[in-house]
Each structure stands twice: as C-alpha cells, then as structure tokens.
Amino acid sequence: MSALSLRYVALGDSSGVGVGGRPGGYVEYLFQRLRKAREGVGLLNLAVSGATSGTVLSGQLSKAQRTSPHVVTLGVGINDLWRGVTPE
C-alpha cells in the first residue's frame, strides 16, 4: 500500500459492512467520495457483522495499525449493548 496517497481503514461492526443500510454501508460511501476527490486512495475494511468493542481490540486494531492509515473510522457499540457487555 506504499504507493497510495491515502490509506483508509474502517473498524467496527455491521454498520461498516452495510447491513441494514445502504449497500456497502457508510464505509463504501465515504471511500467512493474520497476516490472522487483524490487519486490513489486505498481501503481496508475490517468491519464485520456482530463485532463488539472486544473484537475490534483483539483482532481489527493490530491489523489496522500495521497499515499506517491516514484515515480511520470506527463504528462499534450496538453489539456490546445487545449482548450486555459491561464497560470494564
């Protein structure tokens, strides 16, 4: 990804995949907007349906950090609430 002028990484749950909303979710929408405004934009979408804050911390975060992203979005929390995950 070193040839890219902008690296965009998305972390989170189904909201980043597009479940229950626009196809591709907000991640795809933002990515397409970035591509129109700038050449050489890359996307790594690590969002997965059912992800919790723990999923992001245990699996997605380290992968994201390895790419040295310029832009990061995070959409997570509803699954934590649904499953009764405590703040600790």
Protein backbone atom coordinates (compact mmCIF):
# COMPACT_ATOMS: atom_id res chain seq x y z
CA MET A 1 0.00 0.00 0.00
CA SER A 2 3.01 2.31 -0.05
CA ALA A 3 2.07 3.73 -3.48
CA LEU A 4 -1.21 5.00 -2.12
CA SER A 5 -1.59 8.68 -1.36
CA LEU A 6 -4.23 7.98 1.28
CA ARG A 7 -4.93 4.82 3.28
CA TYR A 8 -8.40 4.49 4.75
CA VAL A 9 -9.10 1.76 7.32
CA ALA A 10 -12.54 1.01 8.70
CA LEU A 11 -13.00 -0.75 12.02
CA GLY A 12 -16.20 -1.99 13.58
CA ASP A 13 -19.40 -3.93 13.14
CA SER A 14 -22.11 -4.44 10.52
CA SER A 15 -22.65 -0.70 10.13
CA GLY A 16 -19.34 -0.67 8.24
CA VAL A 17 -20.39 -3.60 6.07
CA GLY A 18 -23.76 -2.15 5.11
CA VAL A 19 -26.13 -4.48 6.93
CA GLY A 20 -29.42 -2.70 7.47
CA GLY A 21 -28.48 0.38 5.47
CA ARG A 22 -27.09 1.46 2.14
CA PRO A 23 -25.18 -1.23 0.17
CA GLY A 24 -21.60 -1.25 1.46
CA GLY A 25 -22.54 0.92 4.41
CA TYR A 26 -21.04 4.24 5.32
CA VAL A 27 -17.55 2.85 4.66
CA GLU A 28 -18.17 2.31 0.95
CA TYR A 29 -19.94 5.65 0.69
CA LEU A 30 -17.03 7.51 2.25
CA PHE A 31 -14.48 5.56 0.20
CA GLN A 32 -16.22 6.49 -3.06
CA ARG A 33 -16.33 10.14 -2.00
CA LEU A 34 -12.59 10.06 -1.20
CA ARG A 35 -11.80 8.43 -4.55
CA LYS A 36 -13.65 11.19 -6.39
CA ALA A 37 -11.69 13.87 -4.53
CA ARG A 38 -8.23 12.30 -4.65
CA GLU A 39 -6.20 9.79 -6.64
CA GLY A 40 -4.55 6.78 -5.04
CA VAL A 41 -7.00 6.12 -2.20
CA GLY A 42 -6.98 2.62 -0.74
CA LEU A 43 -9.46 0.95 1.56
CA LEU A 44 -9.03 -1.80 4.12
CA ASN A 45 -12.45 -2.56 5.57
CA LEU A 46 -12.01 -4.70 8.68
CA ALA A 47 -15.60 -4.26 9.86
CA VAL A 48 -17.56 -7.49 10.38
CA SER A 49 -21.12 -8.24 11.35
CA GLY A 50 -21.51 -9.00 15.03
CA ALA A 51 -18.29 -7.30 16.10
CA THR A 52 -18.05 -5.89 19.60
CA SER A 53 -15.53 -3.49 21.09
CA GLY A 54 -13.60 -6.59 22.17
CA THR A 55 -13.50 -7.84 18.57
CA VAL A 56 -12.06 -4.52 17.46
CA LEU A 57 -9.42 -4.58 20.20
CA SER A 58 -8.45 -8.23 19.78
CA GLY A 59 -8.35 -8.53 16.02
CA GLN A 60 -9.04 -5.44 13.98
CA LEU A 61 -6.86 -2.87 15.71
CA SER A 62 -3.48 -4.57 15.20
CA LYS A 63 -4.23 -5.19 11.52
CA ALA A 64 -5.18 -1.54 11.10
CA GLN A 65 -2.04 -0.29 12.83
CA ARG A 66 0.20 -2.34 10.52
CA THR A 67 -1.09 -0.40 7.50
CA SER A 68 -0.22 3.05 8.95
CA PRO A 69 -3.56 4.52 7.87
CA HIS A 70 -4.18 8.19 7.22
CA VAL A 71 -7.93 7.97 7.88
CA VAL A 72 -9.69 5.62 10.32
CA THR A 73 -13.37 5.25 11.04
CA LEU A 74 -14.86 3.27 13.91
CA GLY A 75 -18.45 2.12 14.14
CA VAL A 76 -18.99 -0.24 17.07
CA GLY A 77 -21.10 -0.47 20.19
CA ILE A 78 -24.57 -1.72 19.36
CA ASN A 79 -23.50 -5.37 19.73
CA ASP A 80 -21.92 -4.57 23.10
CA LEU A 81 -25.26 -3.16 24.26
CA TRP A 82 -27.24 -6.03 22.75
CA ARG A 83 -25.04 -8.64 24.47
CA GLY A 84 -24.82 -6.82 27.79
CA VAL A 85 -21.07 -6.24 27.64
CA THR A 86 -20.00 -4.24 30.68
CA PRO A 87 -17.81 -1.14 30.32
CA GLU A 88 -14.90 -2.91 32.03
